[in-house]
Amino acid sequence: MGIFEGKRQKPLNIWVKELPKGKMKEIELIFDRQLMLSIAYEDGREVTENQFVNRAAIDVGEIHTITAVAE
């Protein structure tokens, strides 16, 4: 893990019942009112381009409260 108050922390062991098949890209331990494991992986499928003409995007950022854009 990391260093806290000048001391090295013990490693954190996590048991996962099932992992998705594919190449693991990132595993992240997150907390949002409960501990959760976020797993990013390659599943081998190609990404298709969006054919829609109207688009909208919203960013709930840390600096600005909210930013919204629409075409």
PDB file of N, CA and C in Angstrom:
ATOM      1  N   MET A   1       0.851  -1.177   0.000  1.00  0.00           N
ATOM      2  CA  MET A   1       0.000   0.000   0.000  1.00  0.00           C
ATOM      3  C   MET A   1       0.896   1.238   0.000  1.00  0.00           C
ATOM      4  N   GLY A   2       0.709   2.092   0.956  1.00  0.00           N
ATOM      5  CA  GLY A   2       1.468   3.327   0.979  1.00  0.00           C
ATOM      6  C   GLY A   2       2.111   3.549   2.331  1.00  0.00           C
ATOM      7  N   ILE A   3       2.562   4.760   2.544  1.00  0.00           N
ATOM      8  CA  ILE A   3       3.195   5.129   3.803  1.00  0.00           C
ATOM      9  C   ILE A   3       2.241   6.061   4.543  1.00  0.00           C
ATOM     10  N   PHE A   4       1.930   5.729   5.811  1.00  0.00           N
ATOM     11  CA  PHE A   4       1.044   6.525   6.650  1.00  0.00           C
ATOM     12  C   PHE A   4       1.745   6.769   7.971  1.00  0.00           C
ATOM     13  N   GLU A   5       1.893   8.042   8.337  1.00  0.00           N
ATOM     14  CA  GLU A   5       2.581   8.449   9.564  1.00  0.00           C
ATOM     15  C   GLU A   5       3.981   7.832   9.640  1.00  0.00           C
ATOM     16  N   GLY A   6       4.681   7.819   8.506  1.00  0.00           N
ATOM     17  CA  GLY A   6       6.053   7.349   8.460  1.00  0.00           C
ATOM     18  C   GLY A   6       6.225   5.843   8.487  1.00  0.00           C
ATOM     19  N   LYS A   7       5.127   5.089   8.477  1.00  0.00           N
ATOM     20  CA  LYS A   7       5.217   3.632   8.516  1.00  0.00           C
ATOM     21  C   LYS A   7       4.579   3.040   7.267  1.00  0.00           C
ATOM     22  N   ARG A   8       5.193   1.979   6.770  1.00  0.00           N
ATOM     23  CA  ARG A   8       4.668   1.267   5.602  1.00  0.00           C
ATOM     24  C   ARG A   8       3.424   0.470   6.012  1.00  0.00           C
ATOM     25  N   GLN A   9       2.354   0.566   5.245  1.00  0.00           N
ATOM     26  CA  GLN A   9       1.112  -0.131   5.554  1.00  0.00           C
ATOM     27  C   GLN A   9       1.150  -1.574   5.056  1.00  0.00           C
ATOM     28  N   LYS A  10       0.378  -2.428   5.704  1.00  0.00           N
ATOM     29  CA  LYS A  10       0.283  -3.828   5.294  1.00  0.00           C
ATOM     30  C   LYS A  10      -0.454  -3.909   3.958  1.00  0.00           C
ATOM     31  N   PRO A  11      -0.113  -4.903   3.115  1.00  0.00           N
ATOM     32  CA  PRO A  11      -0.834  -5.053   1.847  1.00  0.00           C
ATOM     33  C   PRO A  11      -2.295  -5.424   2.087  1.00  0.00           C
ATOM     34  N   LEU A  12      -3.126  -5.049   1.165  1.00  0.00           N
ATOM     35  CA  LEU A  12      -4.555  -5.311   1.245  1.00  0.00           C
ATOM     36  C   LEU A  12      -4.875  -6.482   0.324  1.00  0.00           C
ATOM     37  N   ASN A  13      -5.348  -7.586   0.885  1.00  0.00           N
ATOM     38  CA  ASN A  13      -5.706  -8.766   0.096  1.00  0.00           C
ATOM     39  C   ASN A  13      -7.207  -8.765  -0.152  1.00  0.00           C
ATOM     40  N   ILE A  14      -7.598  -8.930  -1.410  1.00  0.00           N
ATOM     41  CA  ILE A  14      -9.010  -8.927  -1.787  1.00  0.00           C
ATOM     42  C   ILE A  14      -9.311 -10.220  -2.522  1.00  0.00           C
ATOM     43  N   TRP A  15     -10.390 -10.875  -2.137  1.00  0.00           N
ATOM     44  CA  TRP A  15     -10.837 -12.089  -2.810  1.00  0.00           C
ATOM     45  C   TRP A  15     -12.002 -11.737  -3.715  1.00  0.00           C
ATOM     46  N   VAL A  16     -11.914 -12.152  -4.979  1.00  0.00           N
ATOM     47  CA  VAL A  16     -12.962 -11.883  -5.966  1.00  0.00           C
ATOM     48  C   VAL A  16     -13.512 -13.225  -6.426  1.00  0.00           C
ATOM     49  N   LYS A  17     -14.840 -13.374  -6.359  1.00  0.00           N
ATOM     50  CA  LYS A  17     -15.461 -14.642  -6.726  1.00  0.00           C
ATOM     51  C   LYS A  17     -15.300 -14.932  -8.212  1.00  0.00           C
ATOM     52  N   GLU A  18     -15.591 -13.948  -9.070  1.00  0.00           N
ATOM     53  CA  GLU A  18     -15.475 -14.129 -10.517  1.00  0.00           C
ATOM     54  C   GLU A  18     -14.824 -12.904 -11.140  1.00  0.00           C
ATOM     55  N   LEU A  19     -13.857 -13.137 -12.025  1.00  0.00           N
ATOM     56  CA  LEU A  19     -13.245 -12.054 -12.793  1.00  0.00           C
ATOM     57  C   LEU A  19     -13.680 -12.195 -14.248  1.00  0.00           C
ATOM     58  N   PRO A  20     -13.910 -11.087 -14.945  1.00  0.00           N
ATOM     59  CA  PRO A  20     -14.292 -11.181 -16.358  1.00  0.00           C
ATOM     60  C   PRO A  20     -13.136 -11.708 -17.199  1.00  0.00           C
ATOM     61  N   LYS A  21     -13.491 -12.397 -18.275  1.00  0.00           N
ATOM     62  CA  LYS A  21     -12.468 -12.910 -19.187  1.00  0.00           C
ATOM     63  C   LYS A  21     -11.973 -11.767 -20.057  1.00  0.00           C
ATOM     64  N   GLY A  22     -10.700 -11.735 -20.330  1.00  0.00           N
ATOM     65  CA  GLY A  22     -10.110 -10.678 -21.139  1.00  0.00           C
ATOM     66  C   GLY A  22      -8.878 -10.113 -20.460  1.00  0.00           C
ATOM     67  N   LYS A  23      -8.213  -9.195 -21.140  1.00  0.00           N
ATOM     68  CA  LYS A  23      -6.993  -8.571 -20.629  1.00  0.00           C
ATOM     69  C   LYS A  23      -7.354  -7.466 -19.635  1.00  0.00           C
ATOM     70  N   MET A  24      -6.856  -7.578 -18.411  1.00  0.00           N
ATOM     71  CA  MET A  24      -7.114  -6.575 -17.378  1.00  0.00           C
ATOM     72  C   MET A  24      -6.331  -5.311 -17.684  1.00  0.00           C
ATOM     73  N   LYS A  25      -7.014  -4.165 -17.626  1.00  0.00           N
ATOM     74  CA  LYS A  25      -6.357  -2.884 -17.845  1.00  0.00           C
ATOM     75  C   LYS A  25      -6.127  -2.160 -16.527  1.00  0.00           C
ATOM     76  N   GLU A  26      -7.139  -2.213 -15.635  1.00  0.00           N
ATOM     77  CA  GLU A  26      -7.038  -1.465 -14.381  1.00  0.00           C
ATOM     78  C   GLU A  26      -7.987  -2.075 -13.358  1.00  0.00           C
ATOM     79  N   ILE A  27      -7.524  -2.183 -12.117  1.00  0.00           N
ATOM     80  CA  ILE A  27      -8.368  -2.604 -11.001  1.00  0.00           C
ATOM     81  C   ILE A  27      -8.246  -1.528  -9.936  1.00  0.00           C
ATOM     82  N   GLU A  28      -9.394  -1.046  -9.461  1.00  0.00           N
ATOM     83  CA  GLU A  28      -9.403   0.090  -8.547  1.00  0.00           C
ATOM     84  C   GLU A  28     -10.370  -0.189  -7.398  1.00  0.00           C
ATOM     85  N   LEU A  29      -9.933   0.038  -6.175  1.00  0.00           N
ATOM     86  CA  LEU A  29     -10.786  -0.085  -5.002  1.00  0.00           C
ATOM     87  C   LEU A  29     -11.369   1.289  -4.712  1.00  0.00           C
ATOM     88  N   ILE A  30     -12.700   1.396  -4.731  1.00  0.00           N
ATOM     89  CA  ILE A  30     -13.353   2.686  -4.528  1.00  0.00           C
ATOM     90  C   ILE A  30     -14.316   2.599  -3.351  1.00  0.00           C
ATOM     91  N   PHE A  31     -14.648   3.742  -2.791  1.00  0.00           N
ATOM     92  CA  PHE A  31     -15.594   3.803  -1.680  1.00  0.00           C
ATOM     93  C   PHE A  31     -16.643   4.857  -1.978  1.00  0.00           C
ATOM     94  N   ASP A  32     -17.899   4.434  -2.044  1.00  0.00           N
ATOM     95  CA  ASP A  32     -19.044   5.327  -2.181  1.00  0.00           C
ATOM     96  C   ASP A  32     -20.136   4.764  -1.279  1.00  0.00           C
ATOM     97  N   ARG A  33     -20.051   5.073   0.005  1.00  0.00           N
ATOM     98  CA  ARG A  33     -20.911   4.546   1.052  1.00  0.00           C
ATOM     99  C   ARG A  33     -20.717   3.049   1.290  1.00  0.00           C
ATOM    100  N   GLN A  34     -19.920   2.398   0.442  1.00  0.00           N
ATOM    101  CA  GLN A  34     -19.522   1.005   0.636  1.00  0.00           C
ATOM    102  C   GLN A  34     -18.287   0.749  -0.218  1.00  0.00           C
ATOM    103  N   LEU A  35     -17.504  -0.263   0.142  1.00  0.00           N
ATOM    104  CA  LEU A  35     -16.330  -0.598  -0.662  1.00  0.00           C
ATOM    105  C   LEU A  35     -16.768  -1.340  -1.918  1.00  0.00           C
ATOM    106  N   MET A  36     -16.208  -0.935  -3.067  1.00  0.00           N
ATOM    107  CA  MET A  36     -16.512  -1.577  -4.342  1.00  0.00           C
ATOM    108  C   MET A  36     -15.217  -1.737  -5.122  1.00  0.00           C
ATOM    109  N   LEU A  37     -15.199  -2.704  -6.017  1.00  0.00           N
ATOM    110  CA  LEU A  37     -14.051  -2.955  -6.869  1.00  0.00           C
ATOM    111  C   LEU A  37     -14.434  -2.600  -8.296  1.00  0.00           C
ATOM    112  N   SER A  38     -13.681  -1.697  -8.908  1.00  0.00           N
ATOM    113  CA  SER A  38     -13.917  -1.288 -10.290  1.00  0.00           C
ATOM    114  C   SER A  38     -12.859  -1.953 -11.161  1.00  0.00           C
ATOM    115  N   ILE A  39     -13.315  -2.688 -12.192  1.00  0.00           N
ATOM    116  CA  ILE A  39     -12.400  -3.429 -13.058  1.00  0.00           C
ATOM    117  C   ILE A  39     -12.589  -2.969 -14.494  1.00  0.00           C
ATOM    118  N   ALA A  40     -11.509  -2.519 -15.136  1.00  0.00           N
ATOM    119  CA  ALA A  40     -11.530  -2.160 -16.558  1.00  0.00           C
ATOM    120  C   ALA A  40     -10.756  -3.239 -17.306  1.00  0.00           C
ATOM    121  N   TYR A  41     -11.365  -3.753 -18.386  1.00  0.00           N
ATOM    122  CA  TYR A  41     -10.725  -4.842 -19.119  1.00  0.00           C
ATOM    123  C   TYR A  41     -11.083  -4.781 -20.596  1.00  0.00           C
ATOM    124  N   GLU A  42     -10.270  -5.444 -21.428  1.00  0.00           N
ATOM    125  CA  GLU A  42     -10.513  -5.558 -22.866  1.00  0.00           C
ATOM    126  C   GLU A  42     -11.322  -6.826 -23.094  1.00  0.00           C
ATOM    127  N   ASP A  43     -12.474  -6.696 -23.743  1.00  0.00           N
ATOM    128  CA  ASP A  43     -13.287  -7.879 -24.020  1.00  0.00           C
ATOM    129  C   ASP A  43     -13.171  -8.341 -25.471  1.00  0.00           C
ATOM    130  N   GLY A  44     -12.361  -7.652 -26.287  1.00  0.00           N
ATOM    131  CA  GLY A  44     -12.130  -8.065 -27.656  1.00  0.00           C
ATOM    132  C   GLY A  44     -13.121  -7.516 -28.662  1.00  0.00           C
ATOM    133  N   ARG A  45     -14.130  -6.786 -28.218  1.00  0.00           N
ATOM    134  CA  ARG A  45     -15.122  -6.236 -29.138  1.00  0.00           C
ATOM    135  C   ARG A  45     -14.667  -4.878 -29.645  1.00  0.00           C
ATOM    136  N   GLU A  46     -14.998  -4.579 -30.892  1.00  0.00           N
ATOM    137  CA  GLU A  46     -14.670  -3.293 -31.499  1.00  0.00           C
ATOM    138  C   GLU A  46     -15.701  -2.243 -31.074  1.00  0.00           C
ATOM    139  N   VAL A  47     -15.246  -1.026 -30.888  1.00  0.00           N
ATOM    140  CA  VAL A  47     -16.136   0.078 -30.545  1.00  0.00           C
ATOM    141  C   VAL A  47     -16.744   0.614 -31.834  1.00  0.00           C
ATOM    142  N   THR A  48     -18.078   0.749 -31.859  1.00  0.00           N
ATOM    143  CA  THR A  48     -18.745   1.278 -33.046  1.00  0.00           C
ATOM    144  C   THR A  48     -18.978   2.775 -32.873  1.00  0.00           C
ATOM    145  N   GLU A  49     -18.900   3.505 -33.975  1.00  0.00           N
ATOM    146  CA  GLU A  49     -19.092   4.946 -33.930  1.00  0.00           C
ATOM    147  C   GLU A  49     -20.575   5.274 -33.812  1.00  0.00           C
ATOM    148  N   ASN A  50     -20.874   6.302 -33.042  1.00  0.00           N
ATOM    149  CA  ASN A  50     -22.247   6.758 -32.857  1.00  0.00           C
ATOM    150  C   ASN A  50     -22.722   7.454 -34.128  1.00  0.00           C
ATOM    151  N   GLN A  51     -23.862   7.039 -34.679  1.00  0.00           N
ATOM    152  CA  GLN A  51     -24.388   7.600 -35.921  1.00  0.00           C
ATOM    153  C   GLN A  51     -25.416   8.705 -35.690  1.00  0.00           C
ATOM    154  N   PHE A  52     -25.707   9.049 -34.460  1.00  0.00           N
ATOM    155  CA  PHE A  52     -26.698  10.081 -34.170  1.00  0.00           C
ATOM    156  C   PHE A  52     -26.138  11.468 -34.479  1.00  0.00           C
ATOM    157  N   VAL A  53     -27.019  12.411 -34.862  1.00  0.00           N
ATOM    158  CA  VAL A  53     -26.571  13.763 -35.205  1.00  0.00           C
ATOM    159  C   VAL A  53     -26.689  14.720 -34.022  1.00  0.00           C
ATOM    160  N   ASN A  54     -27.566  14.460 -33.084  1.00  0.00           N
ATOM    161  CA  ASN A  54     -27.731  15.325 -31.911  1.00  0.00           C
ATOM    162  C   ASN A  54     -26.922  14.749 -30.752  1.00  0.00           C
ATOM    163  N   ARG A  55     -26.168  15.621 -30.087  1.00  0.00           N
ATOM    164  CA  ARG A  55     -25.328  15.171 -28.978  1.00  0.00           C
ATOM    165  C   ARG A  55     -25.479  16.121 -27.801  1.00  0.00           C
ATOM    166  N   ALA A  56     -25.328  15.579 -26.619  1.00  0.00           N
ATOM    167  CA  ALA A  56     -25.335  16.378 -25.396  1.00  0.00           C
ATOM    168  C   ALA A  56     -24.316  15.778 -24.433  1.00  0.00           C
ATOM    169  N   ALA A  57     -23.682  16.628 -23.631  1.00  0.00           N
ATOM    170  CA  ALA A  57     -22.694  16.150 -22.660  1.00  0.00           C
ATOM    171  C   ALA A  57     -22.807  16.963 -21.383  1.00  0.00           C
ATOM    172  N   ILE A  58     -22.631  16.297 -20.262  1.00  0.00           N
ATOM    173  CA  ILE A  58     -22.676  16.960 -18.957  1.00  0.00           C
ATOM    174  C   ILE A  58     -21.452  16.523 -18.168  1.00  0.00           C
ATOM    175  N   ASP A  59     -20.780  17.481 -17.539  1.00  0.00           N
ATOM    176  CA  ASP A  59     -19.615  17.197 -16.712  1.00  0.00           C
ATOM    177  C   ASP A  59     -19.861  17.775 -15.330  1.00  0.00           C
ATOM    178  N   VAL A  60     -19.994  16.915 -14.341  1.00  0.00           N
ATOM    179  CA  VAL A  60     -20.114  17.365 -12.957  1.00  0.00           C
ATOM    180  C   VAL A  60     -18.695  17.362 -12.403  1.00  0.00           C
ATOM    181  N   GLY A  61     -18.015  18.480 -12.543  1.00  0.00           N
ATOM    182  CA  GLY A  61     -16.597  18.551 -12.223  1.00  0.00           C
ATOM    183  C   GLY A  61     -16.312  18.973 -10.799  1.00  0.00           C
ATOM    184  N   GLU A  62     -15.017  19.031 -10.496  1.00  0.00           N
ATOM    185  CA  GLU A  62     -14.574  19.445  -9.173  1.00  0.00           C
ATOM    186  C   GLU A  62     -14.410  20.956  -9.090  1.00  0.00           C
ATOM    187  N   ILE A  63     -14.037  21.583 -10.207  1.00  0.00           N
ATOM    188  CA  ILE A  63     -13.792  23.023 -10.193  1.00  0.00           C
ATOM    189  C   ILE A  63     -15.097  23.787 -10.398  1.00  0.00           C
ATOM    190  N   HIS A  64     -15.811  23.466 -11.482  1.00  0.00           N
ATOM    191  CA  HIS A  64     -17.096  24.108 -11.748  1.00  0.00           C
ATOM    192  C   HIS A  64     -18.202  23.170 -11.285  1.00  0.00           C
ATOM    193  N   THR A  65     -19.300  23.739 -10.820  1.00  0.00           N
ATOM    194  CA  THR A  65     -20.391  22.922 -10.299  1.00  0.00           C
ATOM    195  C   THR A  65     -20.923  21.963 -11.346  1.00  0.00           C
ATOM    196  N   ILE A  66     -21.284  22.484 -12.529  1.00  0.00           N
ATOM    197  CA  ILE A  66     -21.772  21.631 -13.608  1.00  0.00           C
ATOM    198  C   ILE A  66     -21.541  22.341 -14.933  1.00  0.00           C
ATOM    199  N   THR A  67     -21.197  21.587 -15.953  1.00  0.00           N
ATOM    200  CA  THR A  67     -21.030  22.117 -17.299  1.00  0.00           C
ATOM    201  C   THR A  67     -21.861  21.259 -18.235  1.00  0.00           C
ATOM    202  N   ALA A  68     -22.700  21.888 -19.064  1.00  0.00           N
ATOM    203  CA  ALA A  68     -23.543  21.151 -20.006  1.00  0.00           C
ATOM    204  C   ALA A  68     -23.381  21.748 -21.395  1.00  0.00           C
ATOM    205  N   VAL A  69     -23.290  20.883 -22.412  1.00  0.00           N
ATOM    206  CA  VAL A  69     -23.130  21.301 -23.801  1.00  0.00           C
ATOM    207  C   VAL A  69     -24.095  20.491 -24.649  1.00  0.00           C
ATOM    208  N   ALA A  70     -24.744  21.148 -25.624  1.00  0.00           N
ATOM    209  CA  ALA A  70     -25.638  20.444 -26.550  1.00  0.00           C
ATOM    210  C   ALA A  70     -25.414  20.983 -27.947  1.00  0.00           C
ATOM    211  N   GLU A  71     -25.498  20.102 -28.960  1.00  0.00           N
ATOM    212  CA  GLU A  71     -25.374  20.512 -30.358  1.00  0.00           C
ATOM    213  C   GLU A  71     -26.749  20.619 -30.975  1.00  0.00           C
TER     214      GLU A  71
END
